[in-house]
């Protein structure tokens, strides 16, 4: 069995590759290394096949699809805020890239795709915890729009060409090898100035967080234990953590407790930021999976991992 992982050298993708190899699968990675790193895969030696390529080059994607049994499609723009500056980023790296993956699958006769979507497709949901059948879906970021558009392309390929799909709506994923996100940003800010920590917004933003290995294992668990044509699952925890609490945890783990927390104000960190989000992961739990870490435990674990990787401020 050959498993293709797009974005397999990235943060979530490299952990997924680790878990897939543990299950005995033959893994092929397709990555343009814009944010992914070879160092995340170096411990596998020659046991994984790595193709450096861009999903916007459809011929390269078609060549990568030869003899593949299932695609885990994780490649995307990792920085939601970038879409506010370069507005076609998510359209190209999200929706168009997903079209190319699907078309390459159709041509090669590959029938299974597992897609990394996001909780941001729900927009500012009026029901929390938010279940998978919540609607209508009105994302408020360009990143969210690209994820929802990709979901629609995937389900249309299921209906038109007979694919089988797994769609995963991620909570905020954190953990070792992180290259962006609030914890990563906080530690880098403290490297520049240990006396103060700038926090975007008022600190009351509150979301679900999931540790990255929990996330990777959950994806594999759902694929192995569900068999509908379209399988849509929230991946997250049953709790949330505020940005204020994240700042406190980071200060504790970096031994910078005396730093002054400076809030920029407002109810969200940037345009398109969803200030409050909590997923309902009950369907995931009902098929026998529970994460090892709660939201707050995942954040503390991540802070410790990133301090070890980046260095003590």
Foldseek 3Di string as FASTA:
>chain_A
DEEEEECLQADLNLLLVVVCVVVVHAYEYEYQPPHGDVVSVVVCPPSHHYDHDALLPLVSLLVSCAPHAEYEYEWAPPDQVVCVVVVCRRVVRFQVSLVSNLVSCLVNVHAEYEYEAALLQQDQPPDPLAEPPDDDGDHQTSNSVSRVNSVVVVVVCCVPVVHAYEYEHEWAEFAARDDDDDLLVQQVVCVVPLQATEDAADQAQKTFYAYSNLVSVLSVLCVVQDDDSYHYFYDTAQGIDTSNVLNCLLCVLLVSNNHHYHYPHDQARDRRGRRYHHHDRVVSVVSPGDGPDGRVRSSNNRSNNVCVVVHRD
